[in-house]
Every structure is written in structure tokens, then in C-alpha cells.
């Protein structure tokens, strides 16, 4: 593909940390021009994320190929410049708490006045409506309210925090889909759109297919009881003799049959849904090392795979074949686009204010004013 799908689309991104930047990274990987609009002194908080929290490379991972405009949009002149730049944009994304963007004069009404067909997305924790709209929150809170957190623990045990920020990522991805839909709609109708997306919305979207299907089936949706949450032997995690783990996901009868034949236990085929089988399966898997099991299941459809650590994932031949991780001297140094069909080399994540000068010059701001704005710290230039 010579031209990426979103080439020519300009996005002003006022968000920071993970959900919004992850969203716009997906769109940047599809060819959009993403301009991070950051405060001049600190910028995106992810720039300062402490390595002690395991966030040392997060900024670089989800901001590659973007531009940075360091601008104090709370200042009257800064707000004027933001709105002037918004007149050249197709999408504006903000991640403030509800009403804050309007307070700064850069909300949907302000932007729409200069760009009537703008696609404007507000991405917040709980959304622009409802009794929780002004609550502070993070991923663990949204998962709790959305019912997802309760699914990550065995009966009688405390739920365990997920290994991934599911609410941040699912909410960001849902918002990306909404923005793409709004852009397609604008292409057909000529009209922009205001999008109200919440990180809680992403959680609910992911929880409801399983929850509602279980409800209509008369099943309780809990880890360790639901058939697809470790409640049956054919869909579970098993320890091997060397203290490692395998997943078995033989849902379809022919997959389960293949598994039983491979281990020489055809007597188990009719017991696929037997609640009493789980303990016996645990004993079976403890008879071999993980490597021995994987060799046994290498050429069949039993749906048996290793529980990879991050290090093992990096070395996995399928992951390497898809080229998701950027490697140098055998070590991971960053991410490639998840879209294999649209993968191109992109520039590194921008320094704070790296593109301030060029972007302001583009909208007609003189060199003299740019220097004056920098001296007054209304902008920052790198």
C-alpha cells in the first residue's frame, strides 16, 4: 500500500498518559498526522512515568511518529492559537474530566465555531453524563464498576488485578472505532460529530457478550464456575511437572476429541462437561514437563499452548514472524504498528515542543511573536 488509509487526516490530541495516546497511536499507525498538544512545562505526564512502576518506556511506545506542540491553552493567546490550529484539523481528542475543556474555551462548542465539520471526541473515565461523571478513577476502578474485576478470581478468593490495563486499552480502542466511524460519516454527509466515550464503556462492551449469554443460559458469571472462565476441564490452565503452565482451550468436540486421543485417554471424550474431571486433568498434566507436552501436541488441533512470560513472548516464532516488536542487537527497543498491512517506519516519539515552531509558522504566527510567546512561557520550543 503506497498511501496509508488515514493519510491527510489531522488530529489534535489533548490527552495524556495511556488511553488517549494509545487511541491516537492506532490512528497514527494508519497514516493520520497526530499533533500532541501539551502544556509547555511538563507536557504529557507519561514523559515522567517512573521506571519503578514499570512505565519507563510507555511514552516512547505509544507516541511514535507524532508531533508535539507545547502550548498553554489556558492562556487567552494560547487558546486563540489552539482554535486557529483546530481550524486545520479533522479530529480533536480531549481526555479531561467533563466540563474542563469547555472551561478552557477549547470544548466542542469553541472548536465547532471555527471548524463546523470537526469530529470532536471526549474520552473520560465515566462519560459526560450520569452520577459518576465527576469521579476520579483509574483502570482498576473502571474494571470494578464494570463487573470485569470480579471475573478475575476463584470462588472464595480475592480478585487479582489484571496483567493489562484493560479499561484504558479497550476504552481507547472503542473511541478509535467511533472516530473512524464519524470520519466515514462526515465523508458522506459533510457533517462532523461530537463523541462522548468513557473507559467504563469499553469495559461494559467487553463484559456484556459473556455476561448476557451466561444470564440467558442460567449460568453464574464467575471465575472458576463459568465454562469459559476455568469452570470446566476443557478450558483451563494447568501446571506441568517443571512448575510451568499450559492452556487448554478445546471447546469444540472435535478439538476435545483430538486432545483425548493424543494423551491416550479416549475414555474422557464423553466426559467433556463433567465437573469432576478438572482434578483428574490436573494430575494428568503434572506427569510431563511443559516442553514434553508441547512436543506431543505440536501437530494436532488440541488447542494446547504455553503460558508465555514476556521474555518468552518476545522469542516466540509467531510473534517474531509478525514483526510486532522492534529489535536491535537481539533486544526489544520498541513497538511496530500492530497493523501489519500498514506498517511503515515511523520517527521516534517527539520531544516536548519539537514541532511548536513549524506548526505556529504554518498558521501565520511570526518569528517575533513565537519568540515572545516562548519568553512568556505560553509555548515551549525544543
Protein backbone atom coordinates (compact mmCIF):
# COMPACT_ATOMS: atom_id res chain seq x y z
CA UNK A 1 0.00 0.00 0.00
CA UNK A 2 1.57 3.30 -1.10
CA UNK A 3 -0.87 5.55 0.77
CA UNK A 4 -1.97 4.69 4.28
CA UNK A 5 -5.75 4.76 4.90
CA UNK A 6 -5.74 7.89 7.09
CA UNK A 7 -3.17 9.90 5.15
CA UNK A 8 -4.25 13.55 5.09
CA UNK A 9 -6.22 13.31 8.34
CA UNK A 10 -5.00 15.73 11.04
CA UNK A 11 -5.70 15.01 14.71
CA UNK A 12 -5.13 17.37 17.64
CA UNK A 13 -4.59 15.22 20.73
CA UNK A 14 -5.01 16.94 24.09
CA UNK A 15 -4.90 13.66 26.04
CA UNK A 16 -2.04 12.20 28.06
CA UNK A 17 -0.84 9.07 29.83
CA UNK A 18 -2.27 5.88 28.23
CA UNK A 19 -5.88 5.74 26.91
CA UNK A 20 -5.90 8.77 24.59
CA UNK A 21 -2.33 8.42 23.31
CA UNK A 22 -2.92 4.70 22.69
CA UNK A 23 -6.02 5.65 20.69
CA UNK A 24 -4.20 8.20 18.56
CA UNK A 25 -1.23 5.85 18.13
CA UNK A 26 -3.57 3.41 16.40
CA UNK A 27 -4.75 6.21 14.10
CA UNK A 28 -1.18 7.43 13.52
CA UNK A 29 -0.20 3.91 12.52
CA UNK A 30 -2.95 4.11 9.90
CA UNK A 31 -1.41 7.27 8.49
CA UNK A 32 -3.04 10.13 10.41
CA UNK A 33 -0.98 13.18 11.36
CA UNK A 34 -1.25 13.31 15.16
CA UNK A 35 -0.27 16.53 16.95
CA UNK A 36 0.16 16.20 20.70
CA UNK A 37 -0.97 19.47 22.28
CA UNK A 38 0.91 19.59 25.56
CA UNK A 39 1.45 22.06 28.37
CA UNK A 40 4.82 23.84 27.96
CA UNK A 41 6.42 22.98 31.32
CA UNK A 42 5.58 19.31 31.82
CA UNK A 43 3.71 18.04 28.77
CA UNK A 44 2.28 14.55 28.73
CA UNK A 45 2.72 13.08 32.23
CA UNK A 46 3.87 9.85 30.61
CA UNK A 47 7.17 11.61 29.87
CA UNK A 48 7.82 11.49 33.62
CA UNK A 49 6.43 8.00 34.28
CA UNK A 50 8.74 6.33 36.83
CA UNK A 51 10.52 3.13 35.83
CA UNK A 52 9.72 1.83 39.32
CA UNK A 53 6.10 1.45 38.20
CA UNK A 54 7.14 -0.39 35.07
CA UNK A 55 6.27 2.60 32.88
CA UNK A 56 9.76 3.69 31.84
CA UNK A 57 9.21 3.26 28.07
CA UNK A 58 5.47 3.82 27.83
CA UNK A 59 5.70 7.32 26.35
CA UNK A 60 8.00 6.19 23.55
CA UNK A 61 5.86 3.14 22.79
CA UNK A 62 2.55 4.96 22.22
CA UNK A 63 3.73 8.25 20.74
CA UNK A 64 5.94 7.20 17.85
CA UNK A 65 5.57 9.18 14.66
CA UNK A 66 3.59 12.00 16.31
CA UNK A 67 4.29 15.72 16.55
CA UNK A 68 4.43 17.86 19.70
CA UNK A 69 3.02 21.35 20.12
CA UNK A 70 3.83 22.78 23.57
CA UNK A 71 1.12 25.39 24.14
CA UNK A 72 -0.59 26.86 27.21
CA UNK A 73 -4.19 26.68 26.04
CA UNK A 74 -5.34 28.17 29.37
CA UNK A 75 -3.76 31.47 28.35
CA UNK A 76 -6.02 33.67 26.14
CA UNK A 77 -3.45 33.90 23.32
CA UNK A 78 -2.65 30.24 23.67
CA UNK A 79 -6.34 29.41 23.36
CA UNK A 80 -6.61 31.57 20.24
CA UNK A 81 -3.70 29.73 18.66
CA UNK A 82 -5.17 26.34 19.55
CA UNK A 83 -8.51 27.23 17.97
CA UNK A 84 -6.75 28.58 14.91
CA UNK A 85 -4.89 25.29 14.54
CA UNK A 86 -8.14 23.40 15.19
CA UNK A 87 -9.48 25.07 12.07
CA UNK A 88 -6.99 22.97 10.09
CA UNK A 89 -7.82 19.69 11.87
CA UNK A 90 -10.21 16.84 11.18
CA UNK A 91 -10.33 15.43 14.71
CA UNK A 92 -9.86 16.84 18.21
CA UNK A 93 -9.44 14.47 21.14
CA UNK A 94 -9.55 15.56 24.77
CA UNK A 95 -9.23 13.48 27.92
CA UNK A 96 -10.14 15.99 30.64
CA UNK A 97 -12.75 15.47 33.31
CA UNK A 98 -16.19 16.54 31.99
CA UNK A 99 -16.73 20.34 31.60
CA UNK A 100 -13.00 21.16 31.88
CA UNK A 101 -12.42 21.57 28.14
CA UNK A 102 -15.38 23.97 27.98
CA UNK A 103 -13.95 25.88 30.95
CA UNK A 104 -10.72 26.39 28.99
CA UNK A 105 -12.69 27.50 25.92
CA UNK A 106 -11.49 24.56 23.82
CA UNK A 107 -14.54 22.31 24.13
CA UNK A 108 -16.74 21.17 21.28
CA UNK A 109 -18.66 24.46 21.01
CA UNK A 110 -15.47 26.51 20.79
CA UNK A 111 -13.87 24.24 18.19
CA UNK A 112 -17.06 23.82 16.20
CA UNK A 113 -17.29 27.60 15.83
CA UNK A 114 -14.05 27.58 13.80
CA UNK A 115 -14.42 24.11 12.21
CA UNK A 116 -18.12 23.17 11.87
CA UNK A 117 -17.39 19.70 10.47
CA UNK A 118 -14.94 18.73 13.21
CA UNK A 119 -15.04 15.25 14.74
CA UNK A 120 -14.62 16.00 18.44
CA UNK A 121 -14.10 13.16 20.92
CA UNK A 122 -14.23 13.48 24.70
CA UNK A 123 -12.68 10.43 26.35
CA UNK A 124 -13.20 10.33 30.12
CA UNK A 125 -13.41 7.75 32.87
CA UNK A 126 -17.16 7.56 33.35
CA UNK A 127 -18.51 9.67 30.49
CA UNK A 128 -20.14 13.09 30.17
CA UNK A 129 -23.39 12.03 31.85
CA UNK A 130 -24.51 10.03 34.86
CA UNK A 131 -23.88 10.31 38.62
CA UNK A 132 -20.21 9.27 38.33
CA UNK A 133 -19.18 11.76 35.65
CA UNK A 134 -17.05 13.88 38.01
CA UNK A 135 -15.41 10.98 39.84
CA UNK A 136 -11.67 10.49 39.64
CA UNK A 137 -10.62 7.00 38.66
CA UNK A 138 -8.11 4.65 37.10
CA UNK A 139 -8.18 1.32 35.31
CA UNK A 140 -8.83 -0.78 38.40
CA UNK A 141 -11.84 1.38 39.31
CA UNK A 142 -13.46 1.11 35.88
CA UNK A 143 -12.94 -2.66 35.86
CA UNK A 144 -14.56 -2.85 39.29
CA UNK A 145 -17.64 -0.83 38.35
CA UNK A 146 -17.92 -2.66 35.02
CA UNK A 147 -18.03 -6.13 36.58
CA UNK A 148 -14.84 -7.32 34.89
CA UNK A 149 -12.70 -7.34 38.02
CA UNK A 150 -14.98 -9.85 39.74
CA UNK A 151 -14.22 -12.34 36.95
CA UNK A 152 -10.51 -12.46 37.77
CA UNK A 153 -10.53 -14.54 40.92
CA UNK A 154 -11.51 -18.01 42.06
CA UNK A 155 -14.62 -18.51 44.21
CA UNK A 156 -13.87 -17.53 47.79
CA UNK A 157 -10.66 -15.74 46.81
CA UNK A 158 -9.82 -12.07 46.39
CA UNK A 159 -9.87 -10.89 42.73
CA UNK A 160 -6.40 -10.35 41.27
CA UNK A 161 -5.56 -7.16 39.30
CA UNK A 162 -5.34 -7.86 35.58
CA UNK A 163 -1.92 -8.05 33.97
CA UNK A 164 -3.02 -5.42 31.44
CA UNK A 165 -4.81 -2.05 31.82
CA UNK A 166 -7.93 -3.47 30.19
CA UNK A 167 -10.19 -0.45 30.69
CA UNK A 168 -7.65 2.02 29.32
CA UNK A 169 -6.93 -0.08 26.25
CA UNK A 170 -10.49 -1.23 25.50
CA UNK A 171 -11.85 2.29 26.01
CA UNK A 172 -9.17 3.78 23.77
CA UNK A 173 -9.83 1.20 21.08
CA UNK A 174 -13.60 1.77 21.27
CA UNK A 175 -13.03 5.51 20.89
CA UNK A 176 -10.77 4.90 17.88
CA UNK A 177 -13.55 2.92 16.22
CA UNK A 178 -16.04 5.72 16.97
CA UNK A 179 -13.71 8.33 15.45
CA UNK A 180 -13.22 6.25 12.32
CA UNK A 181 -17.00 5.84 12.02
CA UNK A 182 -17.51 9.58 12.43
CA UNK A 183 -14.92 10.32 9.74
CA UNK A 184 -16.68 7.96 7.32
CA UNK A 185 -20.00 9.60 8.19
CA UNK A 186 -18.56 13.06 7.58
CA UNK A 187 -17.26 11.95 4.20
CA UNK A 188 -20.83 11.01 3.22
CA UNK A 189 -22.82 13.80 4.89
CA UNK A 190 -20.35 16.66 5.26
CA UNK A 191 -21.25 16.91 8.95
CA UNK A 192 -18.97 16.47 11.93
CA UNK A 193 -19.89 14.83 15.20
CA UNK A 194 -19.41 15.06 18.95
CA UNK A 195 -18.39 11.76 20.54
CA UNK A 196 -18.81 11.03 24.26
CA UNK A 197 -16.74 7.93 25.13
CA UNK A 198 -15.90 6.53 28.57
CA UNK A 199 -13.31 4.00 29.65
CA UNK A 200 -16.17 2.31 31.51
CA UNK A 201 -17.92 1.94 28.13
CA UNK A 202 -15.07 -0.20 26.86
CA UNK A 203 -15.28 -2.48 29.90
CA UNK A 204 -19.05 -2.89 29.55
CA UNK A 205 -18.68 -3.59 25.83
CA UNK A 206 -16.23 -6.40 26.57
CA UNK A 207 -18.11 -7.84 29.55
CA UNK A 208 -21.65 -7.96 28.19
CA UNK A 209 -21.31 -10.65 25.46
CA UNK A 210 -20.16 -13.18 28.06
CA UNK A 211 -22.38 -11.87 30.87
CA UNK A 212 -25.59 -11.72 28.87
CA UNK A 213 -25.08 -15.08 27.20
CA UNK A 214 -24.47 -16.60 30.63
CA UNK A 215 -27.57 -14.87 32.02
CA UNK A 216 -29.80 -16.25 29.29
CA UNK A 217 -28.23 -19.65 29.81
CA UNK A 218 -28.98 -19.55 33.52
CA UNK A 219 -25.28 -19.59 34.44
CA UNK A 220 -23.42 -17.58 37.05
CA UNK A 221 -20.67 -15.42 35.58
CA UNK A 222 -17.78 -16.07 37.94
CA UNK A 223 -14.21 -17.20 37.53
CA UNK A 224 -13.96 -20.89 38.28
CA UNK A 225 -17.64 -21.57 37.62
CA UNK A 226 -18.40 -20.27 34.13
CA UNK A 227 -17.29 -22.81 31.47
CA UNK A 228 -15.14 -20.18 29.73
CA UNK A 229 -13.63 -18.88 32.98
CA UNK A 230 -11.98 -22.06 34.18
CA UNK A 231 -15.17 -23.77 35.24
CA UNK A 232 -14.66 -26.84 33.04
CA UNK A 233 -11.69 -29.09 32.41
CA UNK A 234 -11.59 -28.47 28.64
CA UNK A 235 -10.96 -24.71 29.05
CA UNK A 236 -8.44 -24.14 31.78
CA UNK A 237 -4.84 -23.56 32.85
CA UNK A 238 -2.70 -26.47 34.02
CA UNK A 239 0.63 -26.75 35.79
CA UNK A 240 3.26 -29.09 34.37
CA UNK A 241 5.86 -31.15 36.20
CA UNK A 242 8.51 -28.43 35.89
CA UNK A 243 6.35 -25.76 37.51
CA UNK A 244 5.34 -24.09 34.23
CA UNK A 245 1.86 -23.70 32.78
CA UNK A 246 -0.16 -24.64 29.70
CA UNK A 247 -3.56 -23.51 28.48
CA UNK A 248 -6.12 -25.95 27.14
CA UNK A 249 -8.98 -24.44 25.11
CA UNK A 250 -10.59 -27.46 23.44
CA UNK A 251 -14.14 -26.09 23.29
CA UNK A 252 -15.35 -27.80 20.11
CA UNK A 253 -15.99 -31.56 20.47
CA UNK A 254 -13.53 -32.42 17.69
CA UNK A 255 -10.78 -30.40 19.40
CA UNK A 256 -11.55 -32.12 22.71
CA UNK A 257 -11.52 -35.47 20.96
CA UNK A 258 -8.14 -34.70 19.42
CA UNK A 259 -6.79 -33.83 22.87
CA UNK A 260 -8.08 -37.03 24.45
CA UNK A 261 -6.71 -39.22 21.63
CA UNK A 262 -3.30 -37.53 21.83
CA UNK A 263 -2.91 -38.26 25.54
CA UNK A 264 -4.23 -41.81 25.07
CA UNK A 265 -7.40 -41.24 27.08
CA UNK A 266 -10.30 -41.78 24.67
CA UNK A 267 -12.38 -42.69 27.72
CA UNK A 268 -12.50 -38.97 28.56
CA UNK A 269 -14.18 -37.92 25.31
CA UNK A 270 -17.69 -38.38 26.71
CA UNK A 271 -16.76 -36.54 29.91
CA UNK A 272 -16.02 -33.15 28.35
CA UNK A 273 -18.52 -31.30 30.55
CA UNK A 274 -18.00 -33.42 33.66
CA UNK A 275 -17.39 -31.09 36.63
CA UNK A 276 -15.44 -33.82 38.39
CA UNK A 277 -12.86 -34.07 35.61
CA UNK A 278 -10.80 -30.99 36.49
CA UNK A 279 -8.91 -32.61 39.36
CA UNK A 280 -8.01 -35.61 37.22
CA UNK A 281 -6.78 -33.32 34.45
CA UNK A 282 -4.51 -31.53 36.88
CA UNK A 283 -2.92 -34.87 37.75
CA UNK A 284 -2.51 -35.76 34.07
CA UNK A 285 -0.68 -32.54 33.20
CA UNK A 286 1.69 -32.96 36.14
CA UNK A 287 3.08 -36.11 34.52
CA UNK A 288 5.22 -34.26 31.94
CA UNK A 289 7.24 -31.08 31.58
CA UNK A 290 5.84 -28.22 29.56
CA UNK A 291 8.32 -28.87 26.75
CA UNK A 292 7.30 -32.54 26.62
CA UNK A 293 3.63 -31.65 26.37
CA UNK A 294 4.28 -29.09 23.66
CA UNK A 295 6.24 -31.62 21.63
CA UNK A 296 3.36 -34.08 21.99
CA UNK A 297 0.78 -31.52 20.85
CA UNK A 298 2.92 -29.94 18.12
CA UNK A 299 0.96 -31.28 15.14
CA UNK A 300 -2.69 -31.52 16.14
CA UNK A 301 -5.75 -29.39 16.88
CA UNK A 302 -5.99 -29.88 20.64
CA UNK A 303 -5.64 -26.12 21.32
CA UNK A 304 -2.80 -26.50 23.82
CA UNK A 305 -0.36 -23.59 24.16
CA UNK A 306 2.26 -22.38 26.66
CA UNK A 307 1.65 -19.57 29.14
CA UNK A 308 4.48 -17.39 27.88
CA UNK A 309 6.32 -14.91 30.05
CA UNK A 310 7.06 -11.57 28.39
CA UNK A 311 10.58 -12.79 27.62
CA UNK A 312 9.20 -15.99 26.07
CA UNK A 313 6.67 -13.98 24.07
CA UNK A 314 9.50 -11.93 22.52
CA UNK A 315 11.20 -15.14 21.42
CA UNK A 316 8.04 -16.86 20.20
CA UNK A 317 8.41 -17.65 16.48
CA UNK A 318 4.87 -16.48 15.65
CA UNK A 319 5.40 -13.13 17.37
CA UNK A 320 8.71 -12.72 15.59
CA UNK A 321 7.19 -13.66 12.24
CA UNK A 322 4.54 -10.95 12.61
CA UNK A 323 7.20 -8.36 13.47
CA UNK A 324 5.33 -6.55 16.22
CA UNK A 325 8.40 -5.79 18.33
CA UNK A 326 11.26 -3.60 17.12
CA UNK A 327 14.51 -5.36 17.99
CA UNK A 328 18.10 -4.11 17.99
CA UNK A 329 21.06 -6.40 18.78
CA UNK A 330 18.63 -9.05 19.92
CA UNK A 331 16.90 -6.78 22.46
CA UNK A 332 13.45 -5.17 22.28
CA UNK A 333 13.63 -1.39 21.87
CA UNK A 334 10.07 -0.51 20.89
CA UNK A 335 6.90 -1.41 19.07
CA UNK A 336 5.97 -1.57 15.45
CA UNK A 337 2.44 -0.85 14.29
CA UNK A 338 0.00 -3.67 15.13
CA UNK A 339 -1.37 -3.24 11.61
CA UNK A 340 0.87 -5.47 9.50
CA UNK A 341 -0.82 -4.26 6.31
CA UNK A 342 0.01 -0.63 7.12
CA UNK A 343 3.43 -0.98 8.71
CA UNK A 344 5.96 1.67 7.77
CA UNK A 345 9.00 3.08 9.52
CA UNK A 346 7.98 5.91 11.81
CA UNK A 347 10.01 8.56 13.58
CA UNK A 348 10.59 8.25 17.34
CA UNK A 349 8.25 9.84 19.88
CA UNK A 350 8.68 13.64 19.80
CA UNK A 351 10.47 15.76 22.38
CA UNK A 352 8.26 18.27 24.16
CA UNK A 353 7.62 21.16 21.79
CA UNK A 354 9.59 19.63 18.94
CA UNK A 355 7.11 20.90 16.34
CA UNK A 356 5.86 24.08 18.02
CA UNK A 357 7.81 26.41 15.76
CA UNK A 358 6.78 24.78 12.50
CA UNK A 359 3.10 24.41 13.44
CA UNK A 360 2.73 28.01 14.57
CA UNK A 361 4.54 29.27 11.47
CA UNK A 362 2.10 27.21 9.39
CA UNK A 363 -0.85 29.20 10.74
CA UNK A 364 0.90 32.52 10.18
CA UNK A 365 2.48 33.31 13.54
CA UNK A 366 5.56 35.46 13.02
CA UNK A 367 9.03 34.56 14.25
CA UNK A 368 8.93 37.61 16.51
CA UNK A 369 5.72 36.54 18.19
CA UNK A 370 6.93 32.95 18.53
CA UNK A 371 10.00 34.25 20.37
CA UNK A 372 7.85 36.47 22.58
CA UNK A 373 5.45 33.63 23.37
CA UNK A 374 8.37 31.41 24.31
CA UNK A 375 9.79 34.07 26.64
CA UNK A 376 6.37 34.33 28.35
CA UNK A 377 6.23 30.52 28.57
CA UNK A 378 2.96 30.39 26.66
CA UNK A 379 4.75 27.99 24.34
CA UNK A 380 7.85 25.83 24.52
CA UNK A 381 10.22 25.21 21.65
CA UNK A 382 12.64 22.30 21.51
